[in-house]
Amino acid sequence: GFAGAELLRLAASHPSLEVVFATGDSQAGTKVGDLYPHLYAAYP
């Protein structure tokens, strides 16, 4: 969702955070970068 995707964006630029998983029941199986192309480089 919007808030979760924004959080992923912020976490991507934080030098001490490593995103281990991201849930999205309605998007399960979809790459984060496919749903949010601006996040592809951070989470390929």
All heavy atoms as atom14 arrays in JSON, in Angstrom:
{
  "sequence": "GFAGAELLRLAASHPSLEVVFATGDSQAGTKVGDLYPHLYAAYP",
  "atom14_mask": [
    [1, 1, 1, 1, 0, 0, 0, 0, 0, 0, 0, 0, 0, 0],
    [1, 1, 1, 1, 1, 1, 1, 1, 1, 1, 1, 0, 0, 0],
    [1, 1, 1, 1, 1, 0, 0, 0, 0, 0, 0, 0, 0, 0],
    [1, 1, 1, 1, 0, 0, 0, 0, 0, 0, 0, 0, 0, 0],
    [1, 1, 1, 1, 1, 0, 0, 0, 0, 0, 0, 0, 0, 0],
    [1, 1, 1, 1, 1, 1, 1, 1, 1, 0, 0, 0, 0, 0],
    [1, 1, 1, 1, 1, 1, 1, 1, 0, 0, 0, 0, 0, 0],
    [1, 1, 1, 1, 1, 1, 1, 1, 0, 0, 0, 0, 0, 0],
    [1, 1, 1, 1, 1, 1, 1, 1, 1, 1, 1, 0, 0, 0],
    [1, 1, 1, 1, 1, 1, 1, 1, 0, 0, 0, 0, 0, 0],
    [1, 1, 1, 1, 1, 0, 0, 0, 0, 0, 0, 0, 0, 0],
    [1, 1, 1, 1, 1, 0, 0, 0, 0, 0, 0, 0, 0, 0],
    [1, 1, 1, 1, 1, 1, 0, 0, 0, 0, 0, 0, 0, 0],
    [1, 1, 1, 1, 1, 1, 1, 1, 1, 1, 0, 0, 0, 0],
    [1, 1, 1, 1, 1, 1, 1, 0, 0, 0, 0, 0, 0, 0],
    [1, 1, 1, 1, 1, 1, 0, 0, 0, 0, 0, 0, 0, 0],
    [1, 1, 1, 1, 1, 1, 1, 1, 0, 0, 0, 0, 0, 0],
    [1, 1, 1, 1, 1, 1, 1, 1, 1, 0, 0, 0, 0, 0],
    [1, 1, 1, 1, 1, 1, 1, 0, 0, 0, 0, 0, 0, 0],
    [1, 1, 1, 1, 1, 1, 1, 0, 0, 0, 0, 0, 0, 0],
    [1, 1, 1, 1, 1, 1, 1, 1, 1, 1, 1, 0, 0, 0],
    [1, 1, 1, 1, 1, 0, 0, 0, 0, 0, 0, 0, 0, 0],
    [1, 1, 1, 1, 1, 1, 1, 0, 0, 0, 0, 0, 0, 0],
    [1, 1, 1, 1, 0, 0, 0, 0, 0, 0, 0, 0, 0, 0],
    [1, 1, 1, 1, 1, 1, 1, 1, 0, 0, 0, 0, 0, 0],
    [1, 1, 1, 1, 1, 1, 0, 0, 0, 0, 0, 0, 0, 0],
    [1, 1, 1, 1, 1, 1, 1, 1, 1, 0, 0, 0, 0, 0],
    [1, 1, 1, 1, 1, 0, 0, 0, 0, 0, 0, 0, 0, 0],
    [1, 1, 1, 1, 0, 0, 0, 0, 0, 0, 0, 0, 0, 0],
    [1, 1, 1, 1, 1, 1, 1, 0, 0, 0, 0, 0, 0, 0],
    [1, 1, 1, 1, 1, 1, 1, 1, 1, 0, 0, 0, 0, 0],
    [1, 1, 1, 1, 1, 1, 1, 0, 0, 0, 0, 0, 0, 0],
    [1, 1, 1, 1, 0, 0, 0, 0, 0, 0, 0, 0, 0, 0],
    [1, 1, 1, 1, 1, 1, 1, 1, 0, 0, 0, 0, 0, 0],
    [1, 1, 1, 1, 1, 1, 1, 1, 0, 0, 0, 0, 0, 0],
    [1, 1, 1, 1, 1, 1, 1, 1, 1, 1, 1, 1, 0, 0],
    [1, 1, 1, 1, 1, 1, 1, 0, 0, 0, 0, 0, 0, 0],
    [1, 1, 1, 1, 1, 1, 1, 1, 1, 1, 0, 0, 0, 0],
    [1, 1, 1, 1, 1, 1, 1, 1, 0, 0, 0, 0, 0, 0],
    [1, 1, 1, 1, 1, 1, 1, 1, 1, 1, 1, 1, 0, 0],
    [1, 1, 1, 1, 1, 0, 0, 0, 0, 0, 0, 0, 0, 0],
    [1, 1, 1, 1, 1, 0, 0, 0, 0, 0, 0, 0, 0, 0],
    [1, 1, 1, 1, 1, 1, 1, 1, 1, 1, 1, 1, 0, 0],
    [1, 1, 1, 1, 1, 1, 1, 0, 0, 0, 0, 0, 0, 0]
  ],
  "atom14_positions": [
    [[0.82, -1.21, 0.0], [0.0, 0.0, 0.0], [0.85, 1.25, 0.0], [2.09, 1.19, 0.03], [0.0, 0.0, 0.0], [0.0, 0.0, 0.0], [0.0, 0.0, 0.0], [0.0, 0.0, 0.0], [0.0, 0.0, 0.0], [0.0, 0.0, 0.0], [0.0, 0.0, 0.0], [0.0, 0.0, 0.0], [0.0, 0.0, 0.0], [0.0, 0.0, 0.0]],
    [[0.2, 2.41, -0.04], [0.9, 3.68, -0.12], [1.89, 3.87, 1.02], [3.06, 4.18, 0.8], [-0.09, 4.85, -0.15], [0.59, 6.18, -0.1], [1.18, 6.71, -1.24], [0.67, 6.9, 1.08], [1.84, 7.93, -1.2], [1.32, 8.12, 1.14], [1.91, 8.64, 0.0], [0.0, 0.0, 0.0], [0.0, 0.0, 0.0], [0.0, 0.0, 0.0]],
    [[1.43, 3.71, 2.26], [2.31, 3.94, 3.42], [3.47, 2.95, 3.44], [4.61, 3.33, 3.72], [1.51, 3.87, 4.72], [0.0, 0.0, 0.0], [0.0, 0.0, 0.0], [0.0, 0.0, 0.0], [0.0, 0.0, 0.0], [0.0, 0.0, 0.0], [0.0, 0.0, 0.0], [0.0, 0.0, 0.0], [0.0, 0.0, 0.0], [0.0, 0.0, 0.0]],
    [[3.19, 1.69, 3.16], [4.24, 0.69, 3.15], [5.27, 0.94, 2.06], [6.48, 0.8, 2.28], [0.0, 0.0, 0.0], [0.0, 0.0, 0.0], [0.0, 0.0, 0.0], [0.0, 0.0, 0.0], [0.0, 0.0, 0.0], [0.0, 0.0, 0.0], [0.0, 0.0, 0.0], [0.0, 0.0, 0.0], [0.0, 0.0, 0.0], [0.0, 0.0, 0.0]],
    [[4.81, 1.34, 0.89], [5.73, 1.64, -0.21], [6.59, 2.86, 0.12], [7.78, 2.89, -0.19], [4.96, 1.87, -1.5], [0.0, 0.0, 0.0], [0.0, 0.0, 0.0], [0.0, 0.0, 0.0], [0.0, 0.0, 0.0], [0.0, 0.0, 0.0], [0.0, 0.0, 0.0], [0.0, 0.0, 0.0], [0.0, 0.0, 0.0], [0.0, 0.0, 0.0]],
    [[6.0, 3.85, 0.76], [6.77, 5.02, 1.16], [7.82, 4.63, 2.2], [8.94, 5.13, 2.17], [5.83, 6.1, 1.69], [6.5, 7.4, 2.02], [7.15, 8.12, 0.83], [6.96, 7.7, -0.32], [7.88, 9.09, 1.08], [0.0, 0.0, 0.0], [0.0, 0.0, 0.0], [0.0, 0.0, 0.0], [0.0, 0.0, 0.0], [0.0, 0.0, 0.0]],
    [[7.45, 3.74, 3.09], [8.41, 3.26, 4.08], [9.57, 2.51, 3.4], [10.73, 2.7, 3.76], [7.73, 2.37, 5.1], [8.68, 1.85, 6.16], [9.25, 2.99, 6.98], [7.99, 0.9, 7.06], [0.0, 0.0, 0.0], [0.0, 0.0, 0.0], [0.0, 0.0, 0.0], [0.0, 0.0, 0.0], [0.0, 0.0, 0.0], [0.0, 0.0, 0.0]],
    [[9.26, 1.7, 2.4], [10.32, 1.02, 1.65], [11.25, 2.04, 1.0], [12.48, 1.86, 0.99], [9.72, 0.09, 0.59], [9.04, -1.17, 1.09], [8.38, -1.9, -0.07], [10.01, -2.08, 1.81], [0.0, 0.0, 0.0], [0.0, 0.0, 0.0], [0.0, 0.0, 0.0], [0.0, 0.0, 0.0], [0.0, 0.0, 0.0], [0.0, 0.0, 0.0]],
    [[10.68, 3.11, 0.45], [11.49, 4.15, -0.18], [12.44, 4.79, 0.84], [13.63, 4.96, 0.57], [10.6, 5.22, -0.81], [11.39, 6.29, -1.58], [10.5, 7.44, -2.01], [10.01, 8.23, -0.9], [10.72, 9.14, -0.23], [11.99, 9.35, -0.53], [10.17, 9.82, 0.75], [0.0, 0.0, 0.0], [0.0, 0.0, 0.0], [0.0, 0.0, 0.0]],
    [[11.91, 5.13, 2.01], [12.73, 5.74, 3.05], [13.8, 4.78, 3.56], [14.95, 5.17, 3.76], [11.85, 6.22, 4.2], [10.92, 7.39, 3.87], [9.91, 7.59, 5.0], [11.7, 8.65, 3.61], [0.0, 0.0, 0.0], [0.0, 0.0, 0.0], [0.0, 0.0, 0.0], [0.0, 0.0, 0.0], [0.0, 0.0, 0.0], [0.0, 0.0, 0.0]],
    [[13.43, 3.53, 3.76], [14.39, 2.53, 4.25], [15.51, 2.3, 3.26], [16.66, 2.06, 3.65], [13.67, 1.22, 4.56], [0.0, 0.0, 0.0], [0.0, 0.0, 0.0], [0.0, 0.0, 0.0], [0.0, 0.0, 0.0], [0.0, 0.0, 0.0], [0.0, 0.0, 0.0], [0.0, 0.0, 0.0], [0.0, 0.0, 0.0], [0.0, 0.0, 0.0]],
    [[15.22, 2.39, 1.97], [16.24, 2.15, 0.94], [17.38, 3.15, 1.03], [18.52, 2.83, 0.7], [15.6, 2.21, -0.44], [0.0, 0.0, 0.0], [0.0, 0.0, 0.0], [0.0, 0.0, 0.0], [0.0, 0.0, 0.0], [0.0, 0.0, 0.0], [0.0, 0.0, 0.0], [0.0, 0.0, 0.0], [0.0, 0.0, 0.0], [0.0, 0.0, 0.0]],
    [[17.09, 4.36, 1.5], [18.15, 5.37, 1.57], [18.78, 5.48, 2.95], [19.66, 6.3, 3.17], [17.59, 6.74, 1.15], [16.59, 7.15, 2.05], [0.0, 0.0, 0.0], [0.0, 0.0, 0.0], [0.0, 0.0, 0.0], [0.0, 0.0, 0.0], [0.0, 0.0, 0.0], [0.0, 0.0, 0.0], [0.0, 0.0, 0.0], [0.0, 0.0, 0.0]],
    [[18.36, 4.62, 3.87], [18.93, 4.65, 5.22], [20.11, 3.67, 5.28], [19.96, 2.48, 4.99], [17.87, 4.26, 6.25], [18.27, 4.61, 7.65], [19.27, 3.93, 8.32], [17.83, 5.55, 8.5], [19.41, 4.44, 9.52], [18.55, 5.44, 9.66], [0.0, 0.0, 0.0], [0.0, 0.0, 0.0], [0.0, 0.0, 0.0], [0.0, 0.0, 0.0]],
    [[21.27, 4.15, 5.67], [22.47, 3.29, 5.64], [22.48, 2.15, 6.65], [23.26, 1.21, 6.51], [23.61, 4.27, 5.93], [22.97, 5.39, 6.69], [21.57, 5.5, 6.15], [0.0, 0.0, 0.0], [0.0, 0.0, 0.0], [0.0, 0.0, 0.0], [0.0, 0.0, 0.0], [0.0, 0.0, 0.0], [0.0, 0.0, 0.0], [0.0, 0.0, 0.0]],
    [[21.6, 2.19, 7.66], [21.63, 1.16, 8.7], [20.44, 0.21, 8.66], [20.28, -0.6, 9.56], [21.69, 1.82, 10.08], [22.84, 2.6, 10.2], [0.0, 0.0, 0.0], [0.0, 0.0, 0.0], [0.0, 0.0, 0.0], [0.0, 0.0, 0.0], [0.0, 0.0, 0.0], [0.0, 0.0, 0.0], [0.0, 0.0, 0.0], [0.0, 0.0, 0.0]],
    [[19.59, 0.34, 7.65], [18.4, -0.51, 7.57], [18.51, -1.5, 6.42], [18.89, -1.14, 5.32], [17.13, 0.33, 7.39], [16.79, 1.32, 8.49], [15.51, 2.07, 8.16], [16.68, 0.62, 9.85], [0.0, 0.0, 0.0], [0.0, 0.0, 0.0], [0.0, 0.0, 0.0], [0.0, 0.0, 0.0], [0.0, 0.0, 0.0], [0.0, 0.0, 0.0]],
    [[18.16, -2.74, 6.73], [18.09, -3.79, 5.71], [16.67, -4.36, 5.72], [16.27, -4.98, 6.71], [19.1, -4.9, 6.01], [18.99, -6.06, 5.05], [19.8, -7.27, 5.49], [20.51, -7.2, 6.53], [19.71, -8.31, 4.81], [0.0, 0.0, 0.0], [0.0, 0.0, 0.0], [0.0, 0.0, 0.0], [0.0, 0.0, 0.0], [0.0, 0.0, 0.0]],
    [[15.93, -4.15, 4.64], [14.58, -4.69, 4.54], [14.7, -6.17, 4.19], [15.22, -6.54, 3.14], [13.73, -3.94, 3.51], [12.37, -4.6, 3.34], [13.57, -2.47, 3.93], [0.0, 0.0, 0.0], [0.0, 0.0, 0.0], [0.0, 0.0, 0.0], [0.0, 0.0, 0.0], [0.0, 0.0, 0.0], [0.0, 0.0, 0.0], [0.0, 0.0, 0.0]],
    [[14.21, -7.02, 5.1], [14.32, -8.47, 4.95], [13.11, -9.05, 4.24], [13.22, -9.98, 3.45], [14.51, -9.13, 6.34], [14.51, -10.63, 6.24], [15.79, -8.62, 6.99], [0.0, 0.0, 0.0], [0.0, 0.0, 0.0], [0.0, 0.0, 0.0], [0.0, 0.0, 0.0], [0.0, 0.0, 0.0], [0.0, 0.0, 0.0], [0.0, 0.0, 0.0]],
    [[11.92, -8.5, 4.52], [10.72, -8.96, 3.83], [9.73, -7.82, 3.71], [9.78, -6.83, 4.44], [10.08, -10.17, 4.52], [9.34, -9.83, 5.79], [8.06, -9.3, 5.77], [9.92, -10.06, 7.03], [7.39, -8.99, 6.94], [9.26, -9.76, 8.2], [7.99, -9.22, 8.16], [0.0, 0.0, 0.0], [0.0, 0.0, 0.0], [0.0, 0.0, 0.0]],
    [[8.82, -7.98, 2.77], [7.72, -7.05, 2.56], [6.48, -7.87, 2.25], [6.51, -8.7, 1.34], [8.03, -6.1, 1.4], [0.0, 0.0, 0.0], [0.0, 0.0, 0.0], [0.0, 0.0, 0.0], [0.0, 0.0, 0.0], [0.0, 0.0, 0.0], [0.0, 0.0, 0.0], [0.0, 0.0, 0.0], [0.0, 0.0, 0.0], [0.0, 0.0, 0.0]],
    [[5.43, -7.69, 3.06], [4.21, -8.43, 2.77], [3.23, -7.55, 2.02], [3.23, -6.33, 2.13], [3.51, -8.97, 4.03], [2.86, -7.9, 4.72], [4.46, -9.71, 4.93], [0.0, 0.0, 0.0], [0.0, 0.0, 0.0], [0.0, 0.0, 0.0], [0.0, 0.0, 0.0], [0.0, 0.0, 0.0], [0.0, 0.0, 0.0], [0.0, 0.0, 0.0]],
    [[2.4, -8.2, 1.27], [1.32, -7.56, 0.54], [0.45, -8.69, 0.02], [0.71, -9.22, -1.06], [0.0, 0.0, 0.0], [0.0, 0.0, 0.0], [0.0, 0.0, 0.0], [0.0, 0.0, 0.0], [0.0, 0.0, 0.0], [0.0, 0.0, 0.0], [0.0, 0.0, 0.0], [0.0, 0.0, 0.0], [0.0, 0.0, 0.0], [0.0, 0.0, 0.0]],
    [[-0.53, -9.09, 0.83], [-1.31, -10.28, 0.49], [-1.91, -10.23, -0.92], [-1.86, -11.2, -1.66], [-2.41, -10.51, 1.53], [-1.84, -10.98, 2.86], [-0.64, -11.31, 2.94], [-2.61, -11.03, 3.83], [0.0, 0.0, 0.0], [0.0, 0.0, 0.0], [0.0, 0.0, 0.0], [0.0, 0.0, 0.0], [0.0, 0.0, 0.0], [0.0, 0.0, 0.0]],
    [[-2.46, -9.06, -1.31], [-3.07, -8.97, -2.64], [-2.02, -8.92, -3.75], [-2.34, -9.14, -4.92], [-3.98, -7.74, -2.74], [-3.21, -6.56, -2.62], [0.0, 0.0, 0.0], [0.0, 0.0, 0.0], [0.0, 0.0, 0.0], [0.0, 0.0, 0.0], [0.0, 0.0, 0.0], [0.0, 0.0, 0.0], [0.0, 0.0, 0.0], [0.0, 0.0, 0.0]],
    [[-0.76, -8.64, -3.4], [0.32, -8.58, -4.38], [1.34, -9.7, -4.2], [2.43, -9.64, -4.8], [1.04, -7.22, -4.27], [0.18, -6.04, -4.6], [-0.23, -6.02, -6.06], [0.47, -6.51, -6.93], [-1.4, -5.45, -6.34], [0.0, 0.0, 0.0], [0.0, 0.0, 0.0], [0.0, 0.0, 0.0], [0.0, 0.0, 0.0], [0.0, 0.0, 0.0]],
    [[1.01, -10.7, -3.4], [1.94, -11.79, -3.13], [2.44, -12.4, -4.44], [1.66, -12.67, -5.35], [1.28, -12.86, -2.27], [0.0, 0.0, 0.0], [0.0, 0.0, 0.0], [0.0, 0.0, 0.0], [0.0, 0.0, 0.0], [0.0, 0.0, 0.0], [0.0, 0.0, 0.0], [0.0, 0.0, 0.0], [0.0, 0.0, 0.0], [0.0, 0.0, 0.0]],
    [[3.76, -12.57, -4.52], [4.38, -13.12, -5.71], [4.86, -12.06, -6.69], [5.61, -12.37, -7.61], [0.0, 0.0, 0.0], [0.0, 0.0, 0.0], [0.0, 0.0, 0.0], [0.0, 0.0, 0.0], [0.0, 0.0, 0.0], [0.0, 0.0, 0.0], [0.0, 0.0, 0.0], [0.0, 0.0, 0.0], [0.0, 0.0, 0.0], [0.0, 0.0, 0.0]],
    [[4.46, -10.82, -6.49], [4.87, -9.71, -7.36], [6.16, -9.09, -6.84], [6.3, -8.88, -5.64], [3.76, -8.62, -7.39], [2.54, -9.21, -7.81], [4.14, -7.47, -8.3], [0.0, 0.0, 0.0], [0.0, 0.0, 0.0], [0.0, 0.0, 0.0], [0.0, 0.0, 0.0], [0.0, 0.0, 0.0], [0.0, 0.0, 0.0], [0.0, 0.0, 0.0]],
    [[7.08, -8.8, -7.73], [8.28, -8.09, -7.31], [7.92, -6.65, -6.92], [7.09, -6.02, -7.57], [9.32, -8.06, -8.44], [10.07, -9.34, -8.61], [11.21, -9.14, -9.59], [12.08, -10.38, -9.6], [13.28, -10.15, -10.42], [0.0, 0.0, 0.0], [0.0, 0.0, 0.0], [0.0, 0.0, 0.0], [0.0, 0.0, 0.0], [0.0, 0.0, 0.0]],
    [[8.56, -6.17, -5.86], [8.32, -4.8, -5.4], [8.55, -3.82, -6.55], [7.75, -2.91, -6.77], [9.22, -4.47, -4.19], [9.2, -2.98, -3.87], [8.79, -5.29, -2.97], [0.0, 0.0, 0.0], [0.0, 0.0, 0.0], [0.0, 0.0, 0.0], [0.0, 0.0, 0.0], [0.0, 0.0, 0.0], [0.0, 0.0, 0.0], [0.0, 0.0, 0.0]],
    [[9.62, -4.0, -7.31], [9.95, -3.1, -8.41], [8.97, -3.16, -9.56], [8.87, -2.2, -10.34], [0.0, 0.0, 0.0], [0.0, 0.0, 0.0], [0.0, 0.0, 0.0], [0.0, 0.0, 0.0], [0.0, 0.0, 0.0], [0.0, 0.0, 0.0], [0.0, 0.0, 0.0], [0.0, 0.0, 0.0], [0.0, 0.0, 0.0], [0.0, 0.0, 0.0]],
    [[8.25, -4.26, -9.7], [7.22, -4.34, -10.75], [6.0, -3.5, -10.39], [5.38, -2.89, -11.26], [6.81, -5.79, -11.01], [7.88, -6.59, -11.72], [8.83, -5.98, -12.26], [7.78, -7.84, -11.72], [0.0, 0.0, 0.0], [0.0, 0.0, 0.0], [0.0, 0.0, 0.0], [0.0, 0.0, 0.0], [0.0, 0.0, 0.0], [0.0, 0.0, 0.0]],
    [[5.66, -3.49, -9.1], [4.52, -2.68, -8.66], [4.92, -1.22, -8.51], [4.16, -0.32, -8.85], [3.97, -3.22, -7.33], [2.71, -2.53, -6.8], [1.54, -2.69, -7.79], [2.34, -3.1, -5.45], [0.0, 0.0, 0.0], [0.0, 0.0, 0.0], [0.0, 0.0, 0.0], [0.0, 0.0, 0.0], [0.0, 0.0, 0.0], [0.0, 0.0, 0.0]],
    [[6.13, -0.99, -8.0], [6.64, 0.36, -7.77], [7.99, 0.5, -8.48], [9.05, 0.25, -7.89], [6.8, 0.64, -6.27], [5.49, 0.64, -5.54], [5.13, -0.39, -4.68], [4.59, 1.69, -5.73], [3.91, -0.38, -4.02], [3.36, 1.71, -5.08], [3.03, 0.67, -4.22], [1.82, 0.69, -3.58], [0.0, 0.0, 0.0], [0.0, 0.0, 0.0]],
    [[7.98, 0.87, -9.76], [9.22, 0.94, -10.53], [10.3, 1.83, -9.9], [11.49, 1.55, -10.06], [8.77, 1.5, -11.89], [7.35, 1.08, -12.01], [6.8, 1.15, -10.6], [0.0, 0.0, 0.0], [0.0, 0.0, 0.0], [0.0, 0.0, 0.0], [0.0, 0.0, 0.0], [0.0, 0.0, 0.0], [0.0, 0.0, 0.0], [0.0, 0.0, 0.0]],
    [[9.9, 2.85, -9.17], [10.9, 3.72, -8.54], [11.68, 3.0, -7.43], [12.7, 3.5, -6.98], [10.25, 5.0, -8.0], [9.32, 4.79, -6.85], [8.05, 4.25, -7.0], [9.47, 5.06, -5.54], [7.47, 4.18, -5.81], [8.31, 4.67, -4.91], [0.0, 0.0, 0.0], [0.0, 0.0, 0.0], [0.0, 0.0, 0.0], [0.0, 0.0, 0.0]],
    [[11.21, 1.82, -7.01], [11.9, 1.05, -5.98], [12.73, -0.1, -6.54], [13.38, -0.82, -5.8], [10.89, 0.5, -4.96], [10.13, 1.53, -4.14], [9.08, 0.86, -3.26], [11.1, 2.34, -3.28], [0.0, 0.0, 0.0], [0.0, 0.0, 0.0], [0.0, 0.0, 0.0], [0.0, 0.0, 0.0], [0.0, 0.0, 0.0], [0.0, 0.0, 0.0]],
    [[12.7, -0.27, -7.86], [13.39, -1.4, -8.47], [14.89, -1.41, -8.16], [15.45, -2.45, -7.8], [13.19, -1.44, -9.99], [13.92, -2.6, -10.61], [13.36, -3.87, -10.56], [15.18, -2.45, -11.19], [14.04, -4.96, -11.09], [15.86, -3.52, -11.71], [15.29, -4.78, -11.66], [15.97, -5.86, -12.16], [0.0, 0.0, 0.0], [0.0, 0.0, 0.0]],
    [[15.55, -0.29, -8.27], [17.01, -0.25, -8.04], [17.36, -0.63, -6.61], [18.37, -1.3, -6.37], [17.56, 1.14, -8.36], [0.0, 0.0, 0.0], [0.0, 0.0, 0.0], [0.0, 0.0, 0.0], [0.0, 0.0, 0.0], [0.0, 0.0, 0.0], [0.0, 0.0, 0.0], [0.0, 0.0, 0.0], [0.0, 0.0, 0.0], [0.0, 0.0, 0.0]],
    [[16.53, -0.25, -5.66], [16.8, -0.55, -4.26], [16.46, -2.0, -3.9], [17.11, -2.59, -3.03], [16.0, 0.39, -3.36], [0.0, 0.0, 0.0], [0.0, 0.0, 0.0], [0.0, 0.0, 0.0], [0.0, 0.0, 0.0], [0.0, 0.0, 0.0], [0.0, 0.0, 0.0], [0.0, 0.0, 0.0], [0.0, 0.0, 0.0], [0.0, 0.0, 0.0]],
    [[15.44, -2.55, -4.56], [14.96, -3.89, -4.21], [14.73, -4.73, -5.47], [13.6, -5.15, -5.77], [13.63, -3.79, -3.44], [13.7, -2.91, -2.22], [13.1, -1.64, -2.21], [14.36, -3.33, -1.06], [13.15, -0.83, -1.08], [14.41, -2.52, 0.06], [13.81, -1.27, 0.05], [13.86, -0.47, 1.16], [0.0, 0.0, 0.0], [0.0, 0.0, 0.0]],
    [[15.78, -5.03, -6.23], [15.58, -5.74, -7.49], [15.03, -7.16, -7.33], [14.37, -7.66, -8.24], [16.98, -5.76, -8.11], [17.92, -5.6, -6.96], [17.19, -4.75, -5.96], [0.0, 0.0, 0.0], [0.0, 0.0, 0.0], [0.0, 0.0, 0.0], [0.0, 0.0, 0.0], [0.0, 0.0, 0.0], [0.0, 0.0, 0.0], [0.0, 0.0, 0.0]]
  ]
}
